[in-house]
Amino acid sequence: RHAKWLAILGDWAYAAALKLNYIFNGIRRA
C-alpha cells in the first residue's frame, strides 16, 4: 500500500527463489 517499489523489489527476489526452486525440484525429479 505505501511502498510499492519495495514490493516490486521483493517480487524480484521472490522470482529468483522460484527459479532456484524449479532447478532444485528438477534434480529431485531426476
Full PDB file with SEQRES, HELIX, SHEET, SSBOND, CRYST1, ORIGX, SCALE, CONECT and MASTER records, all heavy atoms in Angstrom:
SEQRES   1 A   30  ARG HIS ALA LYS TRP LEU ALA ILE LEU GLY ASP TRP ALA          
SEQRES   2 A   30  TYR ALA ALA ALA LEU LYS LEU ASN TYR ILE PHE ASN GLY          
SEQRES   3 A   30  ILE ARG ARG ALA                                              
HELIX    1 AA1 LYS A    4  ARG A   29  1                                  26    
CRYST1    1.000    1.000    1.000  90.00  90.00  90.00 P 1           1          
ORIGX1      1.000000  0.000000  0.000000        0.00000                         
ORIGX2      0.000000  1.000000  0.000000        0.00000                         
ORIGX3      0.000000  0.000000  1.000000        0.00000                         
SCALE1      1.000000  0.000000  0.000000        0.00000                         
SCALE2      0.000000  1.000000  0.000000        0.00000                         
SCALE3      0.000000  0.000000  1.000000        0.00000                         
ATOM      1  N   ARG A   1       0.808  -1.218   0.000  1.00  0.00           N  
ATOM      2  CA  ARG A   1       0.000   0.000   0.000  1.00  0.00           C  
ATOM      3  C   ARG A   1       0.842   1.269   0.000  1.00  0.00           C  
ATOM      4  O   ARG A   1       0.482   2.256  -0.636  1.00  0.00           O  
ATOM      5  CB  ARG A   1      -0.927   0.021   1.217  1.00  0.00           C  
ATOM      6  CG  ARG A   1      -2.013  -1.041   1.192  1.00  0.00           C  
ATOM      7  CD  ARG A   1      -2.961  -0.872   2.348  1.00  0.00           C  
ATOM      8  NE  ARG A   1      -3.677   0.395   2.285  1.00  0.00           N  
ATOM      9  CZ  ARG A   1      -4.409   0.888   3.283  1.00  0.00           C  
ATOM     10  NH1 ARG A   1      -4.491   0.229   4.421  1.00  0.00           N  
ATOM     11  NH2 ARG A   1      -5.047   2.036   3.149  1.00  0.00           N  
ATOM     12  N   HIS A   2       1.972   1.265   0.730  1.00  0.00           N  
ATOM     13  CA  HIS A   2       2.695   2.508   0.953  1.00  0.00           C  
ATOM     14  C   HIS A   2       4.113   2.537   0.381  1.00  0.00           C  
ATOM     15  O   HIS A   2       4.737   3.597   0.363  1.00  0.00           O  
ATOM     16  CB  HIS A   2       2.753   2.811   2.450  1.00  0.00           C  
ATOM     17  CG  HIS A   2       1.403   2.855   3.105  1.00  0.00           C  
ATOM     18  ND1 HIS A   2       0.447   3.800   2.774  1.00  0.00           N  
ATOM     19  CD2 HIS A   2       0.840   2.056   4.047  1.00  0.00           C  
ATOM     20  CE1 HIS A   2      -0.648   3.596   3.504  1.00  0.00           C  
ATOM     21  NE2 HIS A   2      -0.441   2.538   4.272  1.00  0.00           N  
ATOM     22  N   ALA A   3       4.633   1.398  -0.052  1.00  0.00           N  
ATOM     23  CA  ALA A   3       5.988   1.371  -0.628  1.00  0.00           C  
ATOM     24  C   ALA A   3       6.021   0.341  -1.750  1.00  0.00           C  
ATOM     25  O   ALA A   3       6.678  -0.688  -1.644  1.00  0.00           O  
ATOM     26  CB  ALA A   3       7.023   1.047   0.451  1.00  0.00           C  
ATOM     27  N   LYS A   4       5.306   0.637  -2.824  1.00  0.00           N  
ATOM     28  CA  LYS A   4       5.175  -0.337  -3.902  1.00  0.00           C  
ATOM     29  C   LYS A   4       6.519  -0.696  -4.519  1.00  0.00           C  
ATOM     30  O   LYS A   4       6.728  -1.829  -4.945  1.00  0.00           O  
ATOM     31  CB  LYS A   4       4.227   0.196  -4.982  1.00  0.00           C  
ATOM     32  CG  LYS A   4       3.850  -0.874  -6.005  1.00  0.00           C  
ATOM     33  CD  LYS A   4       2.759  -0.404  -6.949  1.00  0.00           C  
ATOM     34  CE  LYS A   4       2.405  -1.509  -7.939  1.00  0.00           C  
ATOM     35  NZ  LYS A   4       1.314  -1.104  -8.842  1.00  0.00           N  
ATOM     36  N   TRP A   5       7.454   0.284  -4.553  1.00  0.00           N  
ATOM     37  CA  TRP A   5       8.778  -0.004  -5.107  1.00  0.00           C  
ATOM     38  C   TRP A   5       9.461  -1.129  -4.335  1.00  0.00           C  
ATOM     39  O   TRP A   5      10.148  -1.983  -4.912  1.00  0.00           O  
ATOM     40  CB  TRP A   5       9.650   1.253  -5.079  1.00  0.00           C  
ATOM     41  CG  TRP A   5       9.991   1.721  -3.689  1.00  0.00           C  
ATOM     42  CD1 TRP A   5       9.290   2.587  -2.908  1.00  0.00           C  
ATOM     43  CD2 TRP A   5      11.119   1.299  -2.907  1.00  0.00           C  
ATOM     44  NE1 TRP A   5       9.902   2.744  -1.685  1.00  0.00           N  
ATOM     45  CE2 TRP A   5      11.030   1.970  -1.654  1.00  0.00           C  
ATOM     46  CE3 TRP A   5      12.186   0.431  -3.128  1.00  0.00           C  
ATOM     47  CZ2 TRP A   5      11.969   1.800  -0.640  1.00  0.00           C  
ATOM     48  CZ3 TRP A   5      13.126   0.247  -2.121  1.00  0.00           C  
ATOM     49  CH2 TRP A   5      13.018   0.933  -0.891  1.00  0.00           C  
ATOM     50  N   LEU A   6       9.236  -1.146  -2.994  1.00  0.00           N  
ATOM     51  CA  LEU A   6       9.826  -2.197  -2.173  1.00  0.00           C  
ATOM     52  C   LEU A   6       9.137  -3.533  -2.432  1.00  0.00           C  
ATOM     53  O   LEU A   6       9.775  -4.586  -2.437  1.00  0.00           O  
ATOM     54  CB  LEU A   6       9.711  -1.810  -0.695  1.00  0.00           C  
ATOM     55  CG  LEU A   6      10.396  -2.735   0.318  1.00  0.00           C  
ATOM     56  CD1 LEU A   6      11.885  -2.845   0.007  1.00  0.00           C  
ATOM     57  CD2 LEU A   6      10.193  -2.195   1.742  1.00  0.00           C  
ATOM     58  N   ALA A   7       7.822  -3.484  -2.673  1.00  0.00           N  
ATOM     59  CA  ALA A   7       7.083  -4.706  -3.001  1.00  0.00           C  
ATOM     60  C   ALA A   7       7.578  -5.290  -4.318  1.00  0.00           C  
ATOM     61  O   ALA A   7       7.714  -6.511  -4.458  1.00  0.00           O  
ATOM     62  CB  ALA A   7       5.589  -4.405  -3.076  1.00  0.00           C  
ATOM     63  N   ILE A   8       7.868  -4.413  -5.302  1.00  0.00           N  
ATOM     64  CA  ILE A   8       8.369  -4.880  -6.592  1.00  0.00           C  
ATOM     65  C   ILE A   8       9.770  -5.475  -6.440  1.00  0.00           C  
ATOM     66  O   ILE A   8      10.098  -6.502  -7.050  1.00  0.00           O  
ATOM     67  CB  ILE A   8       8.352  -3.727  -7.612  1.00  0.00           C  
ATOM     68  CG1 ILE A   8       6.902  -3.324  -7.915  1.00  0.00           C  
ATOM     69  CG2 ILE A   8       9.075  -4.125  -8.899  1.00  0.00           C  
ATOM     70  CD1 ILE A   8       6.777  -2.091  -8.789  1.00  0.00           C  
ATOM     71  N   LEU A   9      10.605  -4.837  -5.601  1.00  0.00           N  
ATOM     72  CA  LEU A   9      11.936  -5.374  -5.327  1.00  0.00           C  
ATOM     73  C   LEU A   9      11.826  -6.757  -4.691  1.00  0.00           C  
ATOM     74  O   LEU A   9      12.553  -7.690  -5.046  1.00  0.00           O  
ATOM     75  CB  LEU A   9      12.699  -4.417  -4.405  1.00  0.00           C  
ATOM     76  CG  LEU A   9      14.137  -4.811  -4.053  1.00  0.00           C  
ATOM     77  CD1 LEU A   9      14.998  -4.858  -5.311  1.00  0.00           C  
ATOM     78  CD2 LEU A   9      14.725  -3.831  -3.039  1.00  0.00           C  
ATOM     79  N   GLY A  10      10.886  -6.871  -3.745  1.00  0.00           N  
ATOM     80  CA  GLY A  10      10.657  -8.176  -3.121  1.00  0.00           C  
ATOM     81  C   GLY A  10      10.170  -9.203  -4.125  1.00  0.00           C  
ATOM     82  O   GLY A  10      10.505 -10.387  -4.034  1.00  0.00           O  
ATOM     83  N   ASP A  11       9.384  -8.746  -5.100  1.00  0.00           N  
ATOM     84  CA  ASP A  11       8.891  -9.648  -6.137  1.00  0.00           C  
ATOM     85  C   ASP A  11      10.034 -10.198  -6.969  1.00  0.00           C  
ATOM     86  O   ASP A  11      10.028 -11.367  -7.361  1.00  0.00           O  
ATOM     87  CB  ASP A  11       7.894  -8.902  -7.024  1.00  0.00           C  
ATOM     88  CG  ASP A  11       7.302  -9.799  -8.101  1.00  0.00           C  
ATOM     89  OD1 ASP A  11       6.677 -10.818  -7.745  1.00  0.00           O  
ATOM     90  OD2 ASP A  11       7.471  -9.485  -9.295  1.00  0.00           O  
ATOM     91  N   TRP A  12      11.027  -9.372  -7.257  1.00  0.00           N  
ATOM     92  CA  TRP A  12      12.214  -9.849  -7.994  1.00  0.00           C  
ATOM     93  C   TRP A  12      12.941 -10.937  -7.202  1.00  0.00           C  
ATOM     94  O   TRP A  12      13.336 -11.965  -7.750  1.00  0.00           O  
ATOM     95  CB  TRP A  12      13.164  -8.688  -8.270  1.00  0.00           C  
ATOM     96  CG  TRP A  12      12.691  -7.730  -9.308  1.00  0.00           C  
ATOM     97  CD1 TRP A  12      11.698  -7.929 -10.216  1.00  0.00           C  
ATOM     98  CD2 TRP A  12      13.176  -6.402  -9.536  1.00  0.00           C  
ATOM     99  NE1 TRP A  12      11.529  -6.817 -10.995  1.00  0.00           N  
ATOM    100  CE2 TRP A  12      12.426  -5.864 -10.611  1.00  0.00           C  
ATOM    101  CE3 TRP A  12      14.163  -5.612  -8.948  1.00  0.00           C  
ATOM    102  CZ2 TRP A  12      12.636  -4.579 -11.107  1.00  0.00           C  
ATOM    103  CZ3 TRP A  12      14.393  -4.327  -9.438  1.00  0.00           C  
ATOM    104  CH2 TRP A  12      13.634  -3.823 -10.500  1.00  0.00           C  
ATOM    105  N   ALA A  13      13.107 -10.693  -5.890  1.00  0.00           N  
ATOM    106  CA  ALA A  13      13.773 -11.682  -5.049  1.00  0.00           C  
ATOM    107  C   ALA A  13      12.958 -12.979  -4.986  1.00  0.00           C  
ATOM    108  O   ALA A  13      13.513 -14.079  -5.007  1.00  0.00           O  
ATOM    109  CB  ALA A  13      13.960 -11.110  -3.637  1.00  0.00           C  
ATOM    110  N   TYR A  14      11.647 -12.823  -4.953  1.00  0.00           N  
ATOM    111  CA  TYR A  14      10.763 -13.988  -4.913  1.00  0.00           C  
ATOM    112  C   TYR A  14      10.875 -14.794  -6.205  1.00  0.00           C  
ATOM    113  O   TYR A  14      10.920 -16.028  -6.182  1.00  0.00           O  
ATOM    114  CB  TYR A  14       9.329 -13.512  -4.696  1.00  0.00           C  
ATOM    115  CG  TYR A  14       8.309 -14.618  -4.604  1.00  0.00           C  
ATOM    116  CD1 TYR A  14       8.330 -15.512  -3.539  1.00  0.00           C  
ATOM    117  CD2 TYR A  14       7.315 -14.771  -5.569  1.00  0.00           C  
ATOM    118  CE1 TYR A  14       7.389 -16.527  -3.442  1.00  0.00           C  
ATOM    119  CE2 TYR A  14       6.382 -15.779  -5.479  1.00  0.00           C  
ATOM    120  CZ  TYR A  14       6.420 -16.647  -4.414  1.00  0.00           C  
ATOM    121  OH  TYR A  14       5.505 -17.655  -4.322  1.00  0.00           O  
ATOM    122  N   ALA A  15      10.939 -14.082  -7.341  1.00  0.00           N  
ATOM    123  CA  ALA A  15      11.090 -14.767  -8.635  1.00  0.00           C  
ATOM    124  C   ALA A  15      12.403 -15.555  -8.682  1.00  0.00           C  
ATOM    125  O   ALA A  15      12.453 -16.663  -9.217  1.00  0.00           O  
ATOM    126  CB  ALA A  15      11.038 -13.745  -9.770  1.00  0.00           C  
ATOM    127  N   ALA A  16      13.458 -14.970  -8.106  1.00  0.00           N  
ATOM    128  CA  ALA A  16      14.748 -15.666  -8.069  1.00  0.00           C  
ATOM    129  C   ALA A  16      14.646 -16.939  -7.223  1.00  0.00           C  
ATOM    130  O   ALA A  16      15.200 -17.991  -7.587  1.00  0.00           O  
ATOM    131  CB  ALA A  16      15.824 -14.735  -7.504  1.00  0.00           C  
ATOM    132  N   ALA A  17      13.910 -16.842  -6.095  1.00  0.00           N  
ATOM    133  CA  ALA A  17      13.723 -18.023  -5.245  1.00  0.00           C  
ATOM    134  C   ALA A  17      12.935 -19.108  -5.974  1.00  0.00           C  
ATOM    135  O   ALA A  17      13.219 -20.299  -5.830  1.00  0.00           O  
ATOM    136  CB  ALA A  17      12.999 -17.620  -3.961  1.00  0.00           C  
ATOM    137  N   LEU A  18      11.958 -18.700  -6.792  1.00  0.00           N  
ATOM    138  CA  LEU A  18      11.167 -19.673  -7.549  1.00  0.00           C  
ATOM    139  C   LEU A  18      12.017 -20.369  -8.619  1.00  0.00           C  
ATOM    140  O   LEU A  18      11.845 -21.560  -8.883  1.00  0.00           O  
ATOM    141  CB  LEU A  18       9.961 -18.984  -8.192  1.00  0.00           C  
ATOM    142  CG  LEU A  18       8.846 -18.550  -7.246  1.00  0.00           C  
ATOM    143  CD1 LEU A  18       7.726 -17.879  -8.028  1.00  0.00           C  
ATOM    144  CD2 LEU A  18       8.308 -19.729  -6.452  1.00  0.00           C  
ATOM    145  N   LYS A  19      12.934 -19.619  -9.243  1.00  0.00           N  
ATOM    146  CA  LYS A  19      13.835 -20.235 -10.235  1.00  0.00           C  
ATOM    147  C   LYS A  19      14.720 -21.277  -9.560  1.00  0.00           C  
ATOM    148  O   LYS A  19      14.947 -22.365 -10.102  1.00  0.00           O  
ATOM    149  CB  LYS A  19      14.676 -19.160 -10.906  1.00  0.00           C  
ATOM    150  CG  LYS A  19      13.902 -18.285 -11.888  1.00  0.00           C  
ATOM    151  CD  LYS A  19      14.805 -17.259 -12.545  1.00  0.00           C  
ATOM    152  CE  LYS A  19      14.006 -16.393 -13.521  1.00  0.00           C  
ATOM    153  NZ  LYS A  19      14.868 -15.350 -14.167  1.00  0.00           N  
ATOM    154  N   LEU A  20      15.230 -20.921  -8.377  1.00  0.00           N  
ATOM    155  CA  LEU A  20      16.037 -21.871  -7.618  1.00  0.00           C  
ATOM    156  C   LEU A  20      15.200 -23.088  -7.243  1.00  0.00           C  
ATOM    157  O   LEU A  20      15.668 -24.232  -7.304  1.00  0.00           O  
ATOM    158  CB  LEU A  20      16.575 -21.189  -6.357  1.00  0.00           C  
ATOM    159  CG  LEU A  20      17.469 -22.037  -5.446  1.00  0.00           C  
ATOM    160  CD1 LEU A  20      18.719 -22.484  -6.192  1.00  0.00           C  
ATOM    161  CD2 LEU A  20      17.859 -21.245  -4.203  1.00  0.00           C  
ATOM    162  N   ASN A  21      13.940 -22.854  -6.883  1.00  0.00           N  
ATOM    163  CA  ASN A  21      13.027 -23.934  -6.534  1.00  0.00           C  
ATOM    164  C   ASN A  21      12.805 -24.871  -7.723  1.00  0.00           C  
ATOM    165  O   ASN A  21      12.740 -26.101  -7.574  1.00  0.00           O  
ATOM    166  CB  ASN A  21      11.702 -23.337  -6.065  1.00  0.00           C  
ATOM    167  CG  ASN A  21      10.734 -24.374  -5.527  1.00  0.00           C  
ATOM    168  OD1 ASN A  21      10.973 -24.966  -4.475  1.00  0.00           O  
ATOM    169  ND2 ASN A  21       9.648 -24.605  -6.241  1.00  0.00           N  
ATOM    170  N   TYR A  22      12.701 -24.272  -8.936  1.00  0.00           N  
ATOM    171  CA  TYR A  22      12.484 -25.056 -10.152  1.00  0.00           C  
ATOM    172  C   TYR A  22      13.675 -25.971 -10.426  1.00  0.00           C  
ATOM    173  O   TYR A  22      13.513 -27.161 -10.744  1.00  0.00           O  
ATOM    174  CB  TYR A  22      12.263 -24.099 -11.325  1.00  0.00           C  
ATOM    175  CG  TYR A  22      12.015 -24.786 -12.653  1.00  0.00           C  
ATOM    176  CD1 TYR A  22      10.767 -25.311 -12.966  1.00  0.00           C  
ATOM    177  CD2 TYR A  22      13.034 -24.910 -13.590  1.00  0.00           C  
ATOM    178  CE1 TYR A  22      10.531 -25.940 -14.168  1.00  0.00           C  
ATOM    179  CE2 TYR A  22      12.819 -25.541 -14.802  1.00  0.00           C  
ATOM    180  CZ  TYR A  22      11.568 -26.054 -15.089  1.00  0.00           C  
ATOM    181  OH  TYR A  22      11.353 -26.683 -16.282  1.00  0.00           O  
ATOM    182  N   ILE A  23      14.895 -25.431 -10.297  1.00  0.00           N  
ATOM    183  CA  ILE A  23      16.110 -26.224 -10.516  1.00  0.00           C  
ATOM    184  C   ILE A  23      16.210 -27.335  -9.474  1.00  0.00           C  
ATOM    185  O   ILE A  23      16.502 -28.496  -9.790  1.00  0.00           O  
ATOM    186  CB  ILE A  23      17.354 -25.314 -10.462  1.00  0.00           C  
ATOM    187  CG1 ILE A  23      17.317 -24.307 -11.616  1.00  0.00           C  
ATOM    188  CG2 ILE A  23      18.632 -26.145 -10.519  1.00  0.00           C  
ATOM    189  CD1 ILE A  23      18.373 -23.221 -11.518  1.00  0.00           C  
ATOM    190  N   PHE A  24      15.939 -26.958  -8.223  1.00  0.00           N  
ATOM    191  CA  PHE A  24      16.012 -27.903  -7.113  1.00  0.00           C  
ATOM    192  C   PHE A  24      15.066 -29.084  -7.331  1.00  0.00           C  
ATOM    193  O   PHE A  24      15.443 -30.251  -7.149  1.00  0.00           O  
ATOM    194  CB  PHE A  24      15.672 -27.168  -5.816  1.00  0.00           C  
ATOM    195  CG  PHE A  24      15.592 -28.045  -4.601  1.00  0.00           C  
ATOM    196  CD1 PHE A  24      16.747 -28.522  -3.995  1.00  0.00           C  
ATOM    197  CD2 PHE A  24      14.363 -28.392  -4.050  1.00  0.00           C  
ATOM    198  CE1 PHE A  24      16.670 -29.335  -2.874  1.00  0.00           C  
ATOM    199  CE2 PHE A  24      14.277 -29.199  -2.935  1.00  0.00           C  
ATOM    200  CZ  PHE A  24      15.435 -29.673  -2.338  1.00  0.00           C  
ATOM    201  N   ASN A  25      13.834 -28.793  -7.748  1.00  0.00           N  
ATOM    202  CA  ASN A  25      12.874 -29.873  -7.952  1.00  0.00           C  
ATOM    203  C   ASN A  25      13.134 -30.655  -9.230  1.00  0.00           C  
ATOM    204  O   ASN A  25      12.720 -31.807  -9.339  1.00  0.00           O  
ATOM    205  CB  ASN A  25      11.447 -29.307  -7.930  1.00  0.00           C  
ATOM    206  CG  ASN A  25      10.909 -29.209  -6.510  1.00  0.00           C  
ATOM    207  OD1 ASN A  25      10.555 -30.211  -5.895  1.00  0.00           O  
ATOM    208  ND2 ASN A  25      10.889 -27.991  -5.966  1.00  0.00           N  
ATOM    209  N   GLY A  26      13.808 -30.029 -10.201  1.00  0.00           N  
ATOM    210  CA  GLY A  26      14.241 -30.783 -11.375  1.00  0.00           C  
ATOM    211  C   GLY A  26      15.212 -31.882 -10.985  1.00  0.00           C  
ATOM    212  O   GLY A  26      15.155 -33.010 -11.499  1.00  0.00           O  
ATOM    213  N   ILE A  27      16.114 -31.554 -10.063  1.00  0.00           N  
ATOM    214  CA  ILE A  27      17.062 -32.548  -9.560  1.00  0.00           C  
ATOM    215  C   ILE A  27      16.329 -33.640  -8.779  1.00  0.00           C  
ATOM    216  O   ILE A  27      16.618 -34.829  -8.919  1.00  0.00           O  
ATOM    217  CB  ILE A  27      18.128 -31.864  -8.674  1.00  0.00           C  
ATOM    218  CG1 ILE A  27      18.957 -30.886  -9.513  1.00  0.00           C  
ATOM    219  CG2 ILE A  27      19.027 -32.895  -8.010  1.00  0.00           C  
ATOM    220  CD1 ILE A  27      19.906 -30.022  -8.697  1.00  0.00           C  
ATOM    221  N   ARG A  28      15.344 -33.230  -7.963  1.00  0.00           N  
ATOM    222  CA  ARG A  28      14.569 -34.210  -7.192  1.00  0.00           C  
ATOM    223  C   ARG A  28      13.813 -35.168  -8.117  1.00  0.00           C  
ATOM    224  O   ARG A  28      13.752 -36.370  -7.852  1.00  0.00           O  
ATOM    225  CB  ARG A  28      13.584 -33.494  -6.263  1.00  0.00           C  
ATOM    226  CG  ARG A  28      14.236 -32.843  -5.056  1.00  0.00           C  
ATOM    227  CD  ARG A  28      13.209 -32.147  -4.167  1.00  0.00           C  
ATOM    228  NE  ARG A  28      12.264 -33.092  -3.582  1.00  0.00           N  
ATOM    229  CZ  ARG A  28      12.461 -33.756  -2.449  1.00  0.00           C  
ATOM    230  NH1 ARG A  28      13.591 -33.579  -1.780  1.00  0.00           N  
ATOM    231  NH2 ARG A  28      11.537 -34.566  -1.983  1.00  0.00           N  
ATOM    232  N   ARG A  29      13.245 -34.624  -9.207  1.00  0.00           N  
ATOM    233  CA  ARG A  29      12.530 -35.499 -10.155  1.00  0.00           C  
ATOM    234  C   ARG A  29      13.479 -36.500 -10.787  1.00  0.00           C  
ATOM    235  O   ARG A  29      13.141 -37.676 -10.981  1.00  0.00           O  
ATOM    236  CB  ARG A  29      11.860 -34.654 -11.245  1.00  0.00           C  
ATOM    237  CG  ARG A  29      10.571 -33.991 -10.815  1.00  0.00           C  
ATOM    238  CD  ARG A  29       9.778 -33.475 -12.007  1.00  0.00           C  
ATOM    239  NE  ARG A  29      10.550 -32.531 -12.815  1.00  0.00           N  
ATOM    240  CZ  ARG A  29      10.604 -31.223 -12.580  1.00  0.00           C  
ATOM    241  NH1 ARG A  29       9.930 -30.703 -11.559  1.00  0.00           N  
ATOM    242  NH2 ARG A  29      11.311 -30.430 -13.360  1.00  0.00           N  
ATOM    243  N   ALA A  30      14.681 -36.047 -11.126  1.00  0.00           N  
ATOM    244  CA  ALA A  30      15.676 -36.930 -11.736  1.00  0.00           C  
ATOM    245  C   ALA A  30      16.070 -38.058 -10.783  1.00  0.00           C  
ATOM    246  O   ALA A  30      16.434 -39.153 -11.220  1.00  0.00           O  
ATOM    247  CB  ALA A  30      16.911 -36.127 -12.148  1.00  0.00           C  
TER     248      ALA A  30                                                      
MASTER        0    0    0    1    0    0    0    6  247    1    0    3          
END                                                                             
